Amino acid sequence: MNGPFYIGLRGTVLARINSVKLTEDTDLSEALDSLDRVQLEMELQELGIETTVPIKSVGDLLWLFKAVDLRRGHDDKNPPRTSSP
């Protein structure tokens, strides 16, 4: 595995936006196939990230990517505390 799936997916989505194949208003079902959506959902679960707001558009997905980055950055800077006996 080369890294988190969402990072590659974000690159693909941003490239398609830059080439004007997608816009932030594009329905997510037009932007991602069902396998990508399932894989993203599984990765979010592994990261412990729950989406409380429905992700319906490419714009929503971009905000989700930002939220994951923020969460992962926060977790990287604040490792879990371990209790001493």
Protein backbone atom coordinates (compact mmCIF):
# COMPACT_ATOMS: atom_id res chain seq x y z
CA MET A 1 0.00 0.00 0.00
CA ASN A 2 1.44 3.37 -1.03
CA GLY A 3 -0.45 5.50 1.45
CA PRO A 4 -3.97 6.39 2.43
CA PHE A 5 -6.53 5.77 -0.31
CA TYR A 6 -8.17 9.16 0.22
CA ILE A 7 -4.96 10.99 -0.75
CA GLY A 8 -4.85 9.33 -4.17
CA LEU A 9 -8.58 9.84 -4.58
CA ARG A 10 -8.21 13.53 -3.74
CA GLY A 11 -5.49 13.85 -6.39
CA THR A 12 -7.73 12.23 -8.97
CA VAL A 13 -10.72 14.42 -8.08
CA LEU A 14 -8.63 17.62 -8.13
CA ALA A 15 -7.13 16.67 -11.51
CA ARG A 16 -10.61 16.12 -12.91
CA ILE A 17 -11.70 19.52 -11.53
CA ASN A 18 -8.66 21.19 -13.10
CA SER A 19 -9.45 19.57 -16.45
CA VAL A 20 -13.07 20.79 -16.13
CA LYS A 21 -14.48 17.25 -16.09
CA LEU A 22 -15.95 17.90 -12.63
CA THR A 23 -17.13 20.88 -10.63
CA GLU A 24 -17.73 21.22 -6.92
CA ASP A 25 -21.46 21.01 -7.67
CA THR A 26 -21.16 17.65 -9.45
CA ASP A 27 -23.16 14.91 -7.75
CA LEU A 28 -20.84 12.50 -6.00
CA SER A 29 -22.43 9.51 -7.77
CA GLU A 30 -21.20 11.00 -11.07
CA ALA A 31 -17.68 11.55 -9.73
CA LEU A 32 -16.96 8.29 -7.91
CA ASP A 33 -17.88 4.75 -8.69
CA SER A 34 -19.36 2.58 -5.96
CA LEU A 35 -16.08 0.75 -5.31
CA ASP A 36 -14.27 4.05 -4.62
CA ARG A 37 -17.06 5.11 -2.29
CA VAL A 38 -16.92 1.83 -0.37
CA GLN A 39 -13.14 1.94 -0.11
CA LEU A 40 -13.24 5.54 1.12
CA GLU A 41 -15.87 4.66 3.71
CA MET A 42 -13.80 1.72 4.94
CA GLU A 43 -10.71 3.92 5.27
CA LEU A 44 -12.66 6.56 7.19
CA GLN A 45 -13.87 3.87 9.58
CA GLU A 46 -10.30 2.64 10.08
CA LEU A 47 -9.22 6.21 10.85
CA GLY A 48 -12.10 6.55 13.31
CA ILE A 49 -13.76 9.33 11.33
CA GLU A 50 -17.54 9.46 11.21
CA THR A 51 -19.32 11.65 8.69
CA THR A 52 -22.31 13.24 10.34
CA VAL A 53 -23.19 15.33 7.28
CA PRO A 54 -24.15 13.56 4.06
CA ILE A 55 -21.49 13.75 1.35
CA LYS A 56 -23.55 14.39 -1.77
CA SER A 57 -21.34 16.52 -4.04
CA VAL A 58 -17.72 16.86 -5.06
CA GLY A 59 -17.56 20.02 -2.94
CA ASP A 60 -18.72 18.03 0.09
CA LEU A 61 -16.02 15.46 -0.66
CA LEU A 62 -13.34 18.17 -0.78
CA TRP A 63 -14.44 19.40 2.65
CA LEU A 64 -14.29 15.81 3.90
CA PHE A 65 -10.71 15.52 2.64
CA LYS A 66 -9.83 18.70 4.55
CA ALA A 67 -11.47 17.36 7.70
CA VAL A 68 -9.52 14.10 7.42
CA ASP A 69 -6.28 16.04 6.96
CA LEU A 70 -7.04 18.16 10.01
CA ARG A 71 -7.93 15.11 12.07
CA ARG A 72 -4.85 13.19 11.00
CA GLY A 73 -2.62 16.23 11.59
CA HIS A 74 -4.10 16.72 15.04
CA ASP A 75 -3.66 13.03 15.86
CA ASP A 76 -0.06 13.08 14.60
CA LYS A 77 0.78 16.06 16.83
CA ASN A 78 -1.02 14.61 19.86
CA PRO A 79 -0.22 10.91 20.17
CA PRO A 80 -2.48 8.91 22.46
CA ARG A 81 -1.49 9.00 26.10
CA THR A 82 -0.58 5.77 27.77
CA SER A 83 -1.25 5.25 31.41
CA SER A 84 1.59 4.25 33.67
CA PRO A 85 1.07 1.47 36.20
